[in-house]
Amino acid sequence: MTKNDICAELSRVADGQAFITCTQLSRALGIRHSENVKRDYLSGLEAVNGKYYLIREVADVIKEKCRV
């Protein structure tokens, strides 16, 4: 899985947008509690209007957490 694969999937979940919300990311990752997503994947990232995260930055975090 490449960063581009992750970006494409997150963009699909976000209806083709360049930004994704915590709720959308929770749904994409299959994590029921969005607080866990905020803590594990979104902490330290800038949010536009407090809720929109740049998909490329989120994909970087996800890629860092991937293990082979």
C-alpha atoms as a PDB file:
ATOM      1  CA  MET A   1       0.000   0.000   0.000  1.00  0.00           C
ATOM      2  CA  THR A   2       1.482   3.305  -1.069  1.00  0.00           C
ATOM      3  CA  LYS A   3       0.745   6.807   0.134  1.00  0.00           C
ATOM      4  CA  ASN A   4      -1.031   7.427  -3.177  1.00  0.00           C
ATOM      5  CA  ASP A   5      -3.279   4.406  -2.551  1.00  0.00           C
ATOM      6  CA  ILE A   6      -4.158   5.745   0.872  1.00  0.00           C
ATOM      7  CA  CYS A   7      -4.834   9.237  -0.517  1.00  0.00           C
ATOM      8  CA  ALA A   8      -7.076   7.834  -3.242  1.00  0.00           C
ATOM      9  CA  GLU A   9      -9.136   5.790  -0.786  1.00  0.00           C
ATOM     10  CA  LEU A  10      -9.486   8.666   1.682  1.00  0.00           C
ATOM     11  CA  SER A  11     -10.467  11.003  -1.146  1.00  0.00           C
ATOM     12  CA  ARG A  12     -13.132   8.511  -2.221  1.00  0.00           C
ATOM     13  CA  VAL A  13     -14.515   8.410   1.329  1.00  0.00           C
ATOM     14  CA  ALA A  14     -14.467  12.234   1.404  1.00  0.00           C
ATOM     15  CA  ASP A  15     -16.484  12.446  -1.842  1.00  0.00           C
ATOM     16  CA  GLY A  16     -13.486  13.441  -3.962  1.00  0.00           C
ATOM     17  CA  GLN A  17     -12.412  16.318  -1.737  1.00  0.00           C
ATOM     18  CA  ALA A  18      -8.858  17.162  -0.663  1.00  0.00           C
ATOM     19  CA  PHE A  19      -9.895  17.337   3.006  1.00  0.00           C
ATOM     20  CA  ILE A  20     -11.450  14.764   5.318  1.00  0.00           C
ATOM     21  CA  THR A  21     -13.263  15.027   8.657  1.00  0.00           C
ATOM     22  CA  CYS A  22     -12.622  12.927  11.728  1.00  0.00           C
ATOM     23  CA  THR A  23     -15.985  11.195  11.255  1.00  0.00           C
ATOM     24  CA  GLN A  24     -15.184  10.287   7.651  1.00  0.00           C
ATOM     25  CA  LEU A  25     -11.763   8.991   8.673  1.00  0.00           C
ATOM     26  CA  SER A  26     -13.325   6.930  11.469  1.00  0.00           C
ATOM     27  CA  ARG A  27     -15.680   5.357   8.970  1.00  0.00           C
ATOM     28  CA  ALA A  28     -12.846   4.665   6.495  1.00  0.00           C
ATOM     29  CA  LEU A  29     -10.709   2.989   9.153  1.00  0.00           C
ATOM     30  CA  GLY A  30     -13.599   1.100  10.734  1.00  0.00           C
ATOM     31  CA  ILE A  31     -13.003   2.672  14.124  1.00  0.00           C
ATOM     32  CA  ARG A  32     -16.200   3.203  16.084  1.00  0.00           C
ATOM     33  CA  HIS A  33     -15.046   5.980  18.425  1.00  0.00           C
ATOM     34  CA  SER A  34     -13.838   9.117  16.668  1.00  0.00           C
ATOM     35  CA  GLU A  35     -11.986  10.226  19.817  1.00  0.00           C
ATOM     36  CA  ASN A  36      -9.548   7.368  19.194  1.00  0.00           C
ATOM     37  CA  VAL A  37      -9.031   8.536  15.600  1.00  0.00           C
ATOM     38  CA  LYS A  38      -8.348  12.082  16.767  1.00  0.00           C
ATOM     39  CA  ARG A  39      -5.832  10.867  19.333  1.00  0.00           C
ATOM     40  CA  ASP A  40      -4.088   8.269  17.159  1.00  0.00           C
ATOM     41  CA  TYR A  41      -4.170   9.826  13.685  1.00  0.00           C
ATOM     42  CA  LEU A  42      -5.077  13.524  13.812  1.00  0.00           C
ATOM     43  CA  SER A  43      -3.273  14.913  16.846  1.00  0.00           C
ATOM     44  CA  GLY A  44      -0.610  17.357  15.777  1.00  0.00           C
ATOM     45  CA  LEU A  45      -2.187  18.021  12.363  1.00  0.00           C
ATOM     46  CA  GLU A  46      -3.603  21.390  11.367  1.00  0.00           C
ATOM     47  CA  ALA A  47      -7.371  21.488  10.944  1.00  0.00           C
ATOM     48  CA  VAL A  48      -9.202  23.974   8.733  1.00  0.00           C
ATOM     49  CA  ASN A  49     -12.192  25.403  10.620  1.00  0.00           C
ATOM     50  CA  GLY A  50     -11.344  22.959  13.384  1.00  0.00           C
ATOM     51  CA  LYS A  51     -12.582  19.882  11.522  1.00  0.00           C
ATOM     52  CA  TYR A  52     -11.120  19.443   8.021  1.00  0.00           C
ATOM     53  CA  TYR A  53      -7.758  17.694   7.693  1.00  0.00           C
ATOM     54  CA  LEU A  54      -5.638  17.612   4.539  1.00  0.00           C
ATOM     55  CA  ILE A  55      -5.780  14.072   3.169  1.00  0.00           C
ATOM     56  CA  ARG A  56      -2.081  14.061   2.195  1.00  0.00           C
ATOM     57  CA  GLU A  57      -1.088  14.783   5.802  1.00  0.00           C
ATOM     58  CA  VAL A  58      -3.467  12.148   7.167  1.00  0.00           C
ATOM     59  CA  ALA A  59      -2.094   9.625   4.655  1.00  0.00           C
ATOM     60  CA  ASP A  60       1.439  10.351   5.936  1.00  0.00           C
ATOM     61  CA  VAL A  61       0.363   9.485   9.479  1.00  0.00           C
ATOM     62  CA  ILE A  62      -1.393   6.296   8.346  1.00  0.00           C
ATOM     63  CA  LYS A  63       1.636   5.250   6.293  1.00  0.00           C
ATOM     64  CA  GLU A  64       3.926   5.771   9.289  1.00  0.00           C
ATOM     65  CA  LYS A  65       1.746   3.425  11.339  1.00  0.00           C
ATOM     66  CA  CYS A  66       1.808   0.661   8.697  1.00  0.00           C
ATOM     67  CA  ARG A  67       3.909  -2.403   9.415  1.00  0.00           C
ATOM     68  CA  VAL A  68       5.194  -4.938   6.921  1.00  0.00           C
END
